[in-house]
Amino acid sequence: MRSVEEWIGKTDDTAIPPRVRLRVFEKFGGICQLSGRKIMPCDEWDLDHIKAIWRGGEHRETNLHPVLRAHHRLKSSEEQTEQAKCDRIRKKHLGIWPSSSAKIKSRGFAKTRNV
């Protein structure tokens, strides 16, 4: 049974308190969950959402894990690219994606005879 209540952020961008950072760090034994490397005192690290918020994840303690900052930025970049593609596809299906204003240029019909 857990003696401390689980922290849940009031909004998706609520800052994570230091006590929660420490609990999550200790829960995973100080291991980066993306690279498997031990996080040293000199390393910069973040807490990452296991299930991204845009995919339905929650901003709570059980959905966080420690990762090295360099690996976190790479993962976040890949997720942002994937999210942008999903948004584009959804907008196209709803008919709200802007159509191109550029005209299709043609070079005309090719000449087949020397007349």
C-alpha atoms as a PDB file:
ATOM      1  CA  MET A   1       0.000   0.000   0.000  1.00  0.00           C
ATOM      2  CA  ARG A   2       1.299   3.443  -0.916  1.00  0.00           C
ATOM      3  CA  SER A   3       1.857   5.812   2.025  1.00  0.00           C
ATOM      4  CA  VAL A   4       2.103   8.958  -0.125  1.00  0.00           C
ATOM      5  CA  GLU A   5      -0.676  10.092  -2.459  1.00  0.00           C
ATOM      6  CA  GLU A   6       0.137  10.082  -6.136  1.00  0.00           C
ATOM      7  CA  TRP A   7       0.821  13.531  -7.581  1.00  0.00           C
ATOM      8  CA  ILE A   8      -1.546  14.591 -10.381  1.00  0.00           C
ATOM      9  CA  GLY A   9      -1.016  17.859 -12.263  1.00  0.00           C
ATOM     10  CA  LYS A  10      -3.980  20.241 -12.309  1.00  0.00           C
ATOM     11  CA  THR A  11      -3.253  21.109 -15.944  1.00  0.00           C
ATOM     12  CA  ASP A  12      -1.069  19.542 -18.651  1.00  0.00           C
ATOM     13  CA  ASP A  13       1.650  22.176 -18.174  1.00  0.00           C
ATOM     14  CA  THR A  14       1.769  22.239 -14.367  1.00  0.00           C
ATOM     15  CA  ALA A  15       5.376  22.183 -13.116  1.00  0.00           C
ATOM     16  CA  ILE A  16       6.426  18.913 -11.507  1.00  0.00           C
ATOM     17  CA  PRO A  17       7.493  19.503  -7.869  1.00  0.00           C
ATOM     18  CA  PRO A  18      11.040  18.497  -6.806  1.00  0.00           C
ATOM     19  CA  ARG A  19       9.700  15.900  -4.339  1.00  0.00           C
ATOM     20  CA  VAL A  20       7.901  14.127  -7.210  1.00  0.00           C
ATOM     21  CA  ARG A  21      11.022  14.287  -9.422  1.00  0.00           C
ATOM     22  CA  LEU A  22      12.975  12.602  -6.629  1.00  0.00           C
ATOM     23  CA  ARG A  23      10.331   9.878  -6.112  1.00  0.00           C
ATOM     24  CA  VAL A  24      10.199   9.062  -9.831  1.00  0.00           C
ATOM     25  CA  PHE A  25      14.017   9.080 -10.059  1.00  0.00           C
ATOM     26  CA  GLU A  26      14.295   6.642  -7.147  1.00  0.00           C
ATOM     27  CA  LYS A  27      11.459   4.449  -8.432  1.00  0.00           C
ATOM     28  CA  PHE A  28      13.453   3.741 -11.621  1.00  0.00           C
ATOM     29  CA  GLY A  29      16.790   3.462  -9.813  1.00  0.00           C
ATOM     30  CA  GLY A  30      18.289   6.509 -11.533  1.00  0.00           C
ATOM     31  CA  ILE A  31      18.372   4.750 -14.925  1.00  0.00           C
ATOM     32  CA  CYS A  32      17.512   6.616 -18.147  1.00  0.00           C
ATOM     33  CA  GLN A  33      14.515   4.768 -19.542  1.00  0.00           C
ATOM     34  CA  LEU A  34      15.427   5.574 -23.164  1.00  0.00           C
ATOM     35  CA  SER A  35      19.126   4.702 -23.198  1.00  0.00           C
ATOM     36  CA  GLY A  36      19.421   2.389 -20.198  1.00  0.00           C
ATOM     37  CA  ARG A  37      22.362   4.447 -18.892  1.00  0.00           C
ATOM     38  CA  LYS A  38      22.774   5.385 -15.229  1.00  0.00           C
ATOM     39  CA  ILE A  39      22.041   9.080 -14.683  1.00  0.00           C
ATOM     40  CA  MET A  40      25.060  10.658 -12.966  1.00  0.00           C
ATOM     41  CA  PRO A  41      24.956  13.794 -10.754  1.00  0.00           C
ATOM     42  CA  CYS A  42      26.607  15.858 -13.514  1.00  0.00           C
ATOM     43  CA  ASP A  43      24.046  14.772 -16.160  1.00  0.00           C
ATOM     44  CA  GLU A  44      21.072  16.882 -17.161  1.00  0.00           C
ATOM     45  CA  TRP A  45      17.848  14.863 -17.078  1.00  0.00           C
ATOM     46  CA  ASP A  46      14.120  15.377 -17.450  1.00  0.00           C
ATOM     47  CA  LEU A  47      10.941  13.565 -16.609  1.00  0.00           C
ATOM     48  CA  ASP A  48       9.211  12.255 -19.714  1.00  0.00           C
ATOM     49  CA  HIS A  49       5.618  11.136 -20.137  1.00  0.00           C
ATOM     50  CA  ILE A  50       5.456   7.405 -20.827  1.00  0.00           C
ATOM     51  CA  LYS A  51       2.240   7.857 -22.792  1.00  0.00           C
ATOM     52  CA  ALA A  52       2.285  11.264 -24.471  1.00  0.00           C
ATOM     53  CA  ILE A  53      -0.427  13.683 -23.368  1.00  0.00           C
ATOM     54  CA  TRP A  54      -1.589  14.231 -26.963  1.00  0.00           C
ATOM     55  CA  ARG A  55      -2.148  10.472 -27.238  1.00  0.00           C
ATOM     56  CA  GLY A  56      -4.361  10.421 -24.149  1.00  0.00           C
ATOM     57  CA  GLY A  57      -1.713  10.139 -21.429  1.00  0.00           C
ATOM     58  CA  GLU A  58      -2.182  11.938 -18.140  1.00  0.00           C
ATOM     59  CA  HIS A  59       0.063  14.446 -16.357  1.00  0.00           C
ATOM     60  CA  ARG A  60       0.556  12.311 -13.255  1.00  0.00           C
ATOM     61  CA  GLU A  61       3.336  10.611 -11.357  1.00  0.00           C
ATOM     62  CA  THR A  62       2.662   7.090 -12.669  1.00  0.00           C
ATOM     63  CA  ASN A  63       2.970   8.335 -16.268  1.00  0.00           C
ATOM     64  CA  LEU A  64       6.473   9.789 -15.783  1.00  0.00           C
ATOM     65  CA  HIS A  65       9.944   8.290 -16.070  1.00  0.00           C
ATOM     66  CA  PRO A  66      13.481   9.763 -15.930  1.00  0.00           C
ATOM     67  CA  VAL A  67      15.406  10.279 -19.177  1.00  0.00           C
ATOM     68  CA  LEU A  68      18.618  12.023 -20.150  1.00  0.00           C
ATOM     69  CA  ARG A  69      17.900  15.416 -21.714  1.00  0.00           C
ATOM     70  CA  ALA A  70      19.589  14.656 -25.066  1.00  0.00           C
ATOM     71  CA  HIS A  71      17.552  11.467 -25.521  1.00  0.00           C
ATOM     72  CA  HIS A  72      14.389  13.265 -24.389  1.00  0.00           C
ATOM     73  CA  ARG A  73      14.812  15.988 -27.016  1.00  0.00           C
ATOM     74  CA  LEU A  74      15.274  13.399 -29.749  1.00  0.00           C
ATOM     75  CA  LYS A  75      12.175  11.459 -28.639  1.00  0.00           C
ATOM     76  CA  SER A  76      10.105  14.652 -28.341  1.00  0.00           C
ATOM     77  CA  SER A  77      11.173  15.744 -31.828  1.00  0.00           C
ATOM     78  CA  GLU A  78      10.083  12.417 -33.313  1.00  0.00           C
ATOM     79  CA  GLU A  79       6.757  12.567 -31.450  1.00  0.00           C
ATOM     80  CA  GLN A  80       6.149  16.133 -32.630  1.00  0.00           C
ATOM     81  CA  THR A  81       6.714  15.087 -36.251  1.00  0.00           C
ATOM     82  CA  GLU A  82       4.284  12.195 -35.807  1.00  0.00           C
ATOM     83  CA  GLN A  83       1.697  14.453 -34.144  1.00  0.00           C
ATOM     84  CA  ALA A  84       1.929  17.020 -36.959  1.00  0.00           C
ATOM     85  CA  LYS A  85       1.350  14.294 -39.550  1.00  0.00           C
ATOM     86  CA  CYS A  86      -1.673  12.970 -37.622  1.00  0.00           C
ATOM     87  CA  ASP A  87      -3.085  16.505 -37.421  1.00  0.00           C
ATOM     88  CA  ARG A  88      -2.585  17.058 -41.183  1.00  0.00           C
ATOM     89  CA  ILE A  89      -4.331  13.793 -42.043  1.00  0.00           C
ATOM     90  CA  ARG A  90      -7.228  14.546 -39.710  1.00  0.00           C
ATOM     91  CA  LYS A  91      -7.625  18.054 -41.189  1.00  0.00           C
ATOM     92  CA  LYS A  92      -7.575  16.654 -44.742  1.00  0.00           C
ATOM     93  CA  HIS A  93     -10.312  14.158 -43.868  1.00  0.00           C
ATOM     94  CA  LEU A  94     -12.414  16.945 -42.362  1.00  0.00           C
ATOM     95  CA  GLY A  95     -11.826  19.158 -45.407  1.00  0.00           C
ATOM     96  CA  ILE A  96     -10.201  21.990 -43.464  1.00  0.00           C
ATOM     97  CA  TRP A  97      -6.662  21.583 -44.792  1.00  0.00           C
ATOM     98  CA  PRO A  98      -5.964  24.468 -47.197  1.00  0.00           C
ATOM     99  CA  SER A  99      -5.644  23.458 -50.818  1.00  0.00           C
ATOM    100  CA  SER A 100      -2.661  24.683 -52.772  1.00  0.00           C
ATOM    101  CA  SER A 101      -3.034  28.038 -54.509  1.00  0.00           C
ATOM    102  CA  ALA A 102      -0.238  27.218 -56.974  1.00  0.00           C
ATOM    103  CA  LYS A 103      -1.301  26.414 -60.525  1.00  0.00           C
ATOM    104  CA  ILE A 104      -0.058  23.234 -62.137  1.00  0.00           C
ATOM    105  CA  LYS A 105       2.399  24.227 -64.826  1.00  0.00           C
ATOM    106  CA  SER A 106       2.536  22.264 -68.022  1.00  0.00           C
ATOM    107  CA  ARG A 107       5.012  22.481 -70.845  1.00  0.00           C
ATOM    108  CA  GLY A 108       2.257  21.746 -73.332  1.00  0.00           C
ATOM    109  CA  PHE A 109       2.108  19.017 -75.904  1.00  0.00           C
ATOM    110  CA  ALA A 110       5.410  17.726 -77.233  1.00  0.00           C
ATOM    111  CA  LYS A 111       6.024  18.264 -80.941  1.00  0.00           C
ATOM    112  CA  THR A 112       6.044  14.969 -82.739  1.00  0.00           C
ATOM    113  CA  ARG A 113       6.602  16.118 -86.341  1.00  0.00           C
ATOM    114  CA  ASN A 114       8.898  18.560 -88.048  1.00  0.00           C
ATOM    115  CA  VAL A 115       6.522  20.472 -90.231  1.00  0.00           C
END
